[in-house]
Amino acid sequence: MLKEFKEFITGGNVIEFAVAVIMAGAIGAVVKGFVSNIVMPIVGMFTGGVSLADKKYVLSEAVVDAAGKVATPENAILYGAWIDTIINLIIVGFVMFMMIKAYNKMKKKEEAAPEAPKGPSQEDLLAEIRDLLAKK
């Protein structure tokens, strides 16, 4: 059983899947940084100078006691953060689409490449020998 597990874990599909998961995580982090640090501040310029990611609908305000400590935290719908997440999803989806499209295009070129002629087949050689023997 240990041998089978070793064969499974070192097999190509598992390793390729692990690389794909790591790459997807890295792409997601890059896109999240791009959206949060570049796109959303630009969008924020058009929404009153506040980053869209900070937009929220407050259901109940925070309650602060006499000592200045928060007794009950604010309850809010963070719709700006949700929009930020949707933008991240769209960009990651587009990047993955472009990568798959490029991969498929490359794969089609590999499949379309014709094989180099290998020379005459065994049948052709045998037929030629037969014909030569028949002439003698």
N, C-alpha and C. Protein backbone atom coordinates (compact mmCIF):
# COMPACT_ATOMS: atom_id res chain seq x y z
N MET A 1 0.82 -1.18 0.00
CA MET A 1 0.00 0.00 0.00
C MET A 1 0.87 1.25 0.00
N LEU A 2 1.97 1.23 0.73
CA LEU A 2 2.88 2.37 0.76
C LEU A 2 3.50 2.60 -0.62
N LYS A 3 3.80 1.51 -1.32
CA LYS A 3 4.37 1.62 -2.66
C LYS A 3 3.37 2.26 -3.62
N GLU A 4 2.11 1.83 -3.51
CA GLU A 4 1.06 2.40 -4.37
C GLU A 4 0.88 3.89 -4.09
N PHE A 5 0.93 4.26 -2.81
CA PHE A 5 0.79 5.67 -2.46
C PHE A 5 1.97 6.47 -3.03
N LYS A 6 3.18 5.94 -2.94
CA LYS A 6 4.35 6.62 -3.47
C LYS A 6 4.22 6.81 -4.98
N GLU A 7 3.74 5.77 -5.69
CA GLU A 7 3.53 5.89 -7.13
C GLU A 7 2.47 6.95 -7.45
N PHE A 8 1.42 6.97 -6.64
CA PHE A 8 0.35 7.94 -6.85
C PHE A 8 0.85 9.37 -6.63
N ILE A 9 1.54 9.59 -5.52
CA ILE A 9 1.95 10.94 -5.15
C ILE A 9 3.04 11.48 -6.06
N THR A 10 3.85 10.59 -6.64
CA THR A 10 4.90 11.05 -7.54
C THR A 10 4.47 11.00 -8.99
N GLY A 11 3.23 10.62 -9.23
CA GLY A 11 2.70 10.57 -10.59
C GLY A 11 2.55 11.96 -11.16
N GLY A 12 2.55 12.05 -12.47
CA GLY A 12 2.49 13.33 -13.15
C GLY A 12 1.25 14.15 -12.84
N ASN A 13 0.08 13.52 -12.77
CA ASN A 13 -1.15 14.27 -12.57
C ASN A 13 -1.19 14.97 -11.23
N VAL A 14 -0.72 14.33 -10.17
CA VAL A 14 -0.75 14.94 -8.85
C VAL A 14 0.20 16.12 -8.79
N ILE A 15 1.38 15.96 -9.34
CA ILE A 15 2.36 17.04 -9.32
C ILE A 15 1.88 18.21 -10.17
N GLU A 16 1.32 17.93 -11.34
CA GLU A 16 0.78 18.99 -12.19
C GLU A 16 -0.35 19.72 -11.49
N PHE A 17 -1.19 18.98 -10.79
CA PHE A 17 -2.29 19.61 -10.06
C PHE A 17 -1.75 20.50 -8.94
N ALA A 18 -0.74 20.03 -8.22
CA ALA A 18 -0.16 20.82 -7.14
C ALA A 18 0.44 22.12 -7.68
N VAL A 19 1.13 22.03 -8.80
CA VAL A 19 1.71 23.23 -9.42
C VAL A 19 0.60 24.18 -9.83
N ALA A 20 -0.48 23.65 -10.40
CA ALA A 20 -1.61 24.49 -10.82
C ALA A 20 -2.24 25.21 -9.64
N VAL A 21 -2.39 24.51 -8.51
CA VAL A 21 -2.99 25.14 -7.32
C VAL A 21 -2.09 26.26 -6.80
N ILE A 22 -0.79 26.00 -6.76
CA ILE A 22 0.15 27.03 -6.29
C ILE A 22 0.15 28.23 -7.22
N MET A 23 0.15 27.98 -8.52
CA MET A 23 0.12 29.08 -9.49
C MET A 23 -1.18 29.88 -9.39
N ALA A 24 -2.29 29.19 -9.20
CA ALA A 24 -3.57 29.88 -9.06
C ALA A 24 -3.57 30.77 -7.82
N GLY A 25 -3.00 30.28 -6.73
CA GLY A 25 -2.90 31.10 -5.52
C GLY A 25 -2.05 32.32 -5.74
N ALA A 26 -0.94 32.16 -6.45
CA ALA A 26 -0.06 33.30 -6.73
C ALA A 26 -0.75 34.32 -7.64
N ILE A 27 -1.42 33.81 -8.68
CA ILE A 27 -2.14 34.72 -9.58
C ILE A 27 -3.24 35.46 -8.82
N GLY A 28 -3.95 34.74 -7.95
CA GLY A 28 -5.00 35.37 -7.15
C GLY A 28 -4.45 36.46 -6.25
N ALA A 29 -3.28 36.23 -5.64
CA ALA A 29 -2.68 37.25 -4.77
C ALA A 29 -2.26 38.47 -5.57
N VAL A 30 -1.70 38.26 -6.75
CA VAL A 30 -1.28 39.39 -7.60
C VAL A 30 -2.50 40.19 -8.03
N VAL A 31 -3.54 39.50 -8.45
CA VAL A 31 -4.76 40.21 -8.89
C VAL A 31 -5.40 40.95 -7.73
N LYS A 32 -5.46 40.32 -6.55
CA LYS A 32 -6.05 40.99 -5.38
C LYS A 32 -5.27 42.27 -5.06
N GLY A 33 -3.95 42.19 -5.11
CA GLY A 33 -3.13 43.38 -4.87
C GLY A 33 -3.39 44.45 -5.92
N PHE A 34 -3.51 44.04 -7.18
CA PHE A 34 -3.78 44.99 -8.26
C PHE A 34 -5.12 45.67 -8.06
N VAL A 35 -6.14 44.88 -7.77
CA VAL A 35 -7.48 45.45 -7.60
C VAL A 35 -7.54 46.34 -6.37
N SER A 36 -7.04 45.86 -5.23
CA SER A 36 -7.13 46.62 -3.98
C SER A 36 -6.27 47.87 -3.97
N ASN A 37 -5.08 47.80 -4.57
CA ASN A 37 -4.14 48.90 -4.47
C ASN A 37 -4.11 49.84 -5.66
N ILE A 38 -4.65 49.42 -6.80
CA ILE A 38 -4.61 50.27 -7.98
C ILE A 38 -6.01 50.59 -8.50
N VAL A 39 -6.82 49.56 -8.74
CA VAL A 39 -8.14 49.77 -9.34
C VAL A 39 -9.09 50.47 -8.37
N MET A 40 -9.19 49.95 -7.15
CA MET A 40 -10.18 50.50 -6.21
C MET A 40 -9.90 51.95 -5.81
N PRO A 41 -8.66 52.40 -5.61
CA PRO A 41 -8.46 53.83 -5.35
C PRO A 41 -8.89 54.72 -6.51
N ILE A 42 -8.70 54.24 -7.75
CA ILE A 42 -9.16 55.01 -8.90
C ILE A 42 -10.68 55.08 -8.91
N VAL A 43 -11.33 53.95 -8.64
CA VAL A 43 -12.79 53.93 -8.55
C VAL A 43 -13.24 54.84 -7.41
N GLY A 44 -12.49 54.85 -6.32
CA GLY A 44 -12.82 55.69 -5.17
C GLY A 44 -12.83 57.17 -5.48
N MET A 45 -12.02 57.60 -6.46
CA MET A 45 -12.02 59.01 -6.85
C MET A 45 -13.39 59.42 -7.37
N PHE A 46 -14.10 58.49 -7.99
CA PHE A 46 -15.41 58.79 -8.56
C PHE A 46 -16.55 58.53 -7.58
N THR A 47 -16.23 58.03 -6.39
CA THR A 47 -17.27 57.76 -5.39
C THR A 47 -17.09 58.60 -4.15
N GLY A 48 -16.63 59.82 -4.34
CA GLY A 48 -16.52 60.75 -3.21
C GLY A 48 -15.22 60.66 -2.45
N GLY A 49 -14.16 60.16 -3.04
CA GLY A 49 -12.87 60.12 -2.39
C GLY A 49 -12.66 58.98 -1.42
N VAL A 50 -13.69 58.14 -1.24
CA VAL A 50 -13.58 57.00 -0.35
C VAL A 50 -13.41 55.75 -1.22
N SER A 51 -12.50 54.89 -0.82
CA SER A 51 -12.31 53.65 -1.57
C SER A 51 -13.61 52.87 -1.59
N LEU A 52 -13.94 52.33 -2.74
CA LEU A 52 -15.17 51.55 -2.87
C LEU A 52 -15.17 50.36 -1.92
N ALA A 53 -13.99 49.81 -1.64
CA ALA A 53 -13.88 48.66 -0.74
C ALA A 53 -14.32 49.03 0.68
N ASP A 54 -14.29 50.30 1.03
CA ASP A 54 -14.69 50.75 2.36
C ASP A 54 -16.18 51.09 2.45
N LYS A 55 -16.89 51.02 1.35
CA LYS A 55 -18.32 51.34 1.36
C LYS A 55 -19.09 50.26 2.12
N LYS A 56 -20.07 50.72 2.92
CA LYS A 56 -20.86 49.78 3.71
C LYS A 56 -22.21 50.41 4.04
N TYR A 57 -23.13 49.53 4.37
CA TYR A 57 -24.44 49.96 4.84
C TYR A 57 -24.54 49.52 6.30
N VAL A 58 -24.58 50.50 7.20
CA VAL A 58 -24.57 50.21 8.63
C VAL A 58 -25.98 49.85 9.08
N LEU A 59 -26.10 48.65 9.65
CA LEU A 59 -27.38 48.19 10.19
C LEU A 59 -27.58 48.68 11.62
N SER A 60 -26.49 48.64 12.40
CA SER A 60 -26.55 49.18 13.76
C SER A 60 -25.17 49.71 14.12
N GLU A 61 -25.15 50.90 14.69
CA GLU A 61 -23.90 51.55 15.07
C GLU A 61 -23.25 50.81 16.22
N ALA A 62 -21.95 51.00 16.37
CA ALA A 62 -21.23 50.43 17.51
C ALA A 62 -21.65 51.16 18.78
N VAL A 63 -21.71 50.41 19.88
CA VAL A 63 -22.06 50.99 21.16
C VAL A 63 -20.77 51.08 21.99
N VAL A 64 -20.48 52.30 22.46
CA VAL A 64 -19.27 52.53 23.24
C VAL A 64 -19.68 52.82 24.68
N ASP A 65 -19.02 52.16 25.64
CA ASP A 65 -19.36 52.40 27.05
C ASP A 65 -18.66 53.67 27.55
N ALA A 66 -18.85 54.00 28.81
CA ALA A 66 -18.33 55.22 29.40
C ALA A 66 -16.80 55.25 29.40
N ALA A 67 -16.17 54.09 29.45
CA ALA A 67 -14.71 54.03 29.48
C ALA A 67 -14.12 54.16 28.07
N GLY A 68 -14.95 54.22 27.06
CA GLY A 68 -14.47 54.36 25.69
C GLY A 68 -14.22 53.05 24.99
N LYS A 69 -14.61 51.95 25.65
CA LYS A 69 -14.44 50.64 25.02
C LYS A 69 -15.71 50.28 24.25
N VAL A 70 -15.51 49.53 23.16
CA VAL A 70 -16.65 49.12 22.34
C VAL A 70 -17.37 47.98 23.06
N ALA A 71 -18.63 48.26 23.44
CA ALA A 71 -19.43 47.24 24.12
C ALA A 71 -20.08 46.33 23.09
N THR A 72 -20.59 46.92 22.00
CA THR A 72 -21.21 46.17 20.92
C THR A 72 -20.62 46.67 19.61
N PRO A 73 -20.02 45.79 18.83
CA PRO A 73 -19.41 46.25 17.57
C PRO A 73 -20.47 46.65 16.55
N GLU A 74 -20.02 47.41 15.58
CA GLU A 74 -20.89 47.83 14.49
C GLU A 74 -21.33 46.62 13.67
N ASN A 75 -22.58 46.65 13.23
CA ASN A 75 -23.12 45.61 12.37
C ASN A 75 -23.41 46.26 11.03
N ALA A 76 -22.68 45.81 9.97
CA ALA A 76 -22.82 46.47 8.68
C ALA A 76 -22.71 45.46 7.54
N ILE A 77 -23.34 45.82 6.43
CA ILE A 77 -23.21 45.06 5.19
C ILE A 77 -22.08 45.71 4.41
N LEU A 78 -21.01 44.96 4.18
CA LEU A 78 -19.82 45.48 3.52
C LEU A 78 -19.92 45.26 2.00
N TYR A 79 -20.80 46.02 1.36
CA TYR A 79 -21.02 45.81 -0.06
C TYR A 79 -19.82 46.23 -0.90
N GLY A 80 -19.04 47.18 -0.43
CA GLY A 80 -17.84 47.60 -1.17
C GLY A 80 -16.82 46.48 -1.25
N ALA A 81 -16.60 45.77 -0.15
CA ALA A 81 -15.67 44.64 -0.14
C ALA A 81 -16.18 43.52 -1.05
N TRP A 82 -17.50 43.35 -1.11
CA TRP A 82 -18.08 42.34 -1.98
C TRP A 82 -17.84 42.71 -3.45
N ILE A 83 -18.02 43.98 -3.79
CA ILE A 83 -17.75 44.42 -5.17
C ILE A 83 -16.27 44.22 -5.50
N ASP A 84 -15.40 44.51 -4.54
CA ASP A 84 -13.96 44.29 -4.70
C ASP A 84 -13.68 42.82 -5.02
N THR A 85 -14.35 41.92 -4.32
CA THR A 85 -14.17 40.48 -4.55
C THR A 85 -14.68 40.08 -5.93
N ILE A 86 -15.79 40.65 -6.37
CA ILE A 86 -16.34 40.35 -7.69
C ILE A 86 -15.37 40.80 -8.78
N ILE A 87 -14.78 41.98 -8.61
CA ILE A 87 -13.79 42.46 -9.59
C ILE A 87 -12.60 41.51 -9.62
N ASN A 88 -12.14 41.06 -8.45
CA ASN A 88 -11.05 40.09 -8.40
C ASN A 88 -11.40 38.83 -9.18
N LEU A 89 -12.60 38.32 -8.96
CA LEU A 89 -13.05 37.10 -9.64
C LEU A 89 -13.05 37.28 -11.16
N ILE A 90 -13.54 38.40 -11.62
CA ILE A 90 -13.61 38.64 -13.07
C ILE A 90 -12.21 38.70 -13.66
N ILE A 91 -11.29 39.39 -12.99
CA ILE A 91 -9.92 39.50 -13.52
C ILE A 91 -9.22 38.14 -13.49
N VAL A 92 -9.33 37.40 -12.38
CA VAL A 92 -8.71 36.07 -12.31
C VAL A 92 -9.30 35.16 -13.38
N GLY A 93 -10.60 35.20 -13.55
CA GLY A 93 -11.25 34.39 -14.58
C GLY A 93 -10.75 34.74 -15.97
N PHE A 94 -10.58 36.02 -16.24
CA PHE A 94 -10.07 36.44 -17.55
C PHE A 94 -8.63 35.99 -17.76
N VAL A 95 -7.80 36.12 -16.73
CA VAL A 95 -6.40 35.68 -16.84
C VAL A 95 -6.34 34.17 -17.09
N MET A 96 -7.14 33.40 -16.35
CA MET A 96 -7.15 31.95 -16.54
C MET A 96 -7.66 31.59 -17.93
N PHE A 97 -8.67 32.31 -18.42
CA PHE A 97 -9.19 32.09 -19.77
C PHE A 97 -8.11 32.31 -20.81
N MET A 98 -7.34 33.39 -20.66
CA MET A 98 -6.27 33.69 -21.61
C MET A 98 -5.17 32.62 -21.56
N MET A 99 -4.85 32.14 -20.36
CA MET A 99 -3.83 31.10 -20.23
C MET A 99 -4.29 29.80 -20.90
N ILE A 100 -5.54 29.41 -20.67
CA ILE A 100 -6.07 28.18 -21.28
C ILE A 100 -6.16 28.33 -22.79
N LYS A 101 -6.55 29.51 -23.25
CA LYS A 101 -6.63 29.75 -24.69
C LYS A 101 -5.25 29.62 -25.33
N ALA A 102 -4.23 30.20 -24.70
CA ALA A 102 -2.86 30.09 -25.23
C ALA A 102 -2.38 28.65 -25.21
N TYR A 103 -2.69 27.93 -24.15
CA TYR A 103 -2.30 26.52 -24.03
C TYR A 103 -2.94 25.69 -25.14
N ASN A 104 -4.25 25.89 -25.36
CA ASN A 104 -4.95 25.14 -26.40
C ASN A 104 -4.41 25.46 -27.79
N LYS A 105 -4.06 26.73 -28.02
CA LYS A 105 -3.51 27.14 -29.31
C LYS A 105 -2.15 26.46 -29.53
N MET A 106 -1.33 26.40 -28.49
CA MET A 106 -0.03 25.76 -28.58
C MET A 106 -0.19 24.25 -28.83
N LYS A 107 -1.16 23.65 -28.16
CA LYS A 107 -1.40 22.22 -28.29
C LYS A 107 -1.87 21.88 -29.70
N LYS A 108 -2.71 22.73 -30.31
CA LYS A 108 -3.19 22.49 -31.67
C LYS A 108 -2.03 22.53 -32.66
N LYS A 109 -1.06 23.45 -32.45
CA LYS A 109 0.09 23.52 -33.34
C LYS A 109 0.92 22.25 -33.24
N GLU A 110 1.06 21.71 -32.04
CA GLU A 110 1.82 20.47 -31.87
C GLU A 110 1.13 19.31 -32.58
N GLU A 111 -0.20 19.25 -32.48
CA GLU A 111 -0.95 18.17 -33.10
C GLU A 111 -0.95 18.30 -34.62
N ALA A 112 -0.92 19.53 -35.14
CA ALA A 112 -1.00 19.76 -36.57
C ALA A 112 0.33 19.48 -37.27
N ALA A 113 1.43 19.46 -36.55
CA ALA A 113 2.74 19.22 -37.18
C ALA A 113 2.76 17.81 -37.78
N PRO A 114 3.01 17.72 -39.09
CA PRO A 114 3.02 16.40 -39.73
C PRO A 114 4.28 15.62 -39.33
N GLU A 115 4.11 14.32 -39.33
CA GLU A 115 5.25 13.46 -39.00
C GLU A 115 6.18 13.39 -40.20
N ALA A 116 7.46 13.32 -39.94
CA ALA A 116 8.44 13.18 -41.01
C ALA A 116 8.32 11.77 -41.59
N PRO A 117 8.46 11.66 -42.90
CA PRO A 117 8.37 10.32 -43.49
C PRO A 117 9.49 9.43 -42.94
N LYS A 118 9.12 8.21 -42.60
CA LYS A 118 10.06 7.28 -41.99
C LYS A 118 10.71 6.39 -43.04
N GLY A 119 10.36 6.56 -44.26
CA GLY A 119 10.87 5.67 -45.30
C GLY A 119 9.81 4.64 -45.65
N PRO A 120 10.17 3.73 -46.52
CA PRO A 120 9.18 2.73 -46.94
C PRO A 120 8.81 1.80 -45.80
N SER A 121 7.56 1.37 -45.82
CA SER A 121 7.09 0.45 -44.79
C SER A 121 7.58 -0.96 -45.08
N GLN A 122 7.39 -1.85 -44.13
CA GLN A 122 7.81 -3.25 -44.32
C GLN A 122 7.09 -3.89 -45.49
N GLU A 123 5.84 -3.55 -45.65
CA GLU A 123 5.06 -4.11 -46.75
C GLU A 123 5.64 -3.68 -48.09
N ASP A 124 6.04 -2.39 -48.19
CA ASP A 124 6.62 -1.90 -49.43
C ASP A 124 7.93 -2.61 -49.74
N LEU A 125 8.77 -2.77 -48.70
CA LEU A 125 10.05 -3.46 -48.91
C LEU A 125 9.84 -4.92 -49.32
N LEU A 126 8.91 -5.60 -48.66
CA LEU A 126 8.63 -6.99 -49.02
C LEU A 126 8.08 -7.10 -50.44
N ALA A 127 7.23 -6.16 -50.82
CA ALA A 127 6.69 -6.18 -52.19
C ALA A 127 7.80 -5.94 -53.20
N GLU A 128 8.73 -5.07 -52.88
CA GLU A 128 9.85 -4.80 -53.78
C GLU A 128 10.74 -6.03 -53.92
N ILE A 129 11.01 -6.71 -52.80
CA ILE A 129 11.81 -7.94 -52.85
C ILE A 129 11.09 -9.00 -53.67
N ARG A 130 9.79 -9.13 -53.48
CA ARG A 130 9.00 -10.10 -54.24
C ARG A 130 9.08 -9.82 -55.73
N ASP A 131 8.96 -8.53 -56.09
CA ASP A 131 9.01 -8.16 -57.48
C ASP A 131 10.39 -8.46 -58.09
N LEU A 132 11.45 -8.19 -57.32
CA LEU A 132 12.80 -8.48 -57.81
C LEU A 132 13.02 -9.98 -57.98
N LEU A 133 12.52 -10.77 -57.04
CA LEU A 133 12.64 -12.21 -57.15
C LEU A 133 11.82 -12.76 -58.33
N ALA A 134 10.69 -12.14 -58.58
CA ALA A 134 9.84 -12.59 -59.68
C ALA A 134 10.49 -12.32 -61.03
N LYS A 135 11.30 -11.28 -61.15
CA LYS A 135 11.96 -10.93 -62.40
C LYS A 135 13.08 -11.92 -62.72
N LYS A 136 13.68 -12.53 -61.72
CA LYS A 136 14.80 -13.45 -61.93
C LYS A 136 14.35 -14.79 -62.28
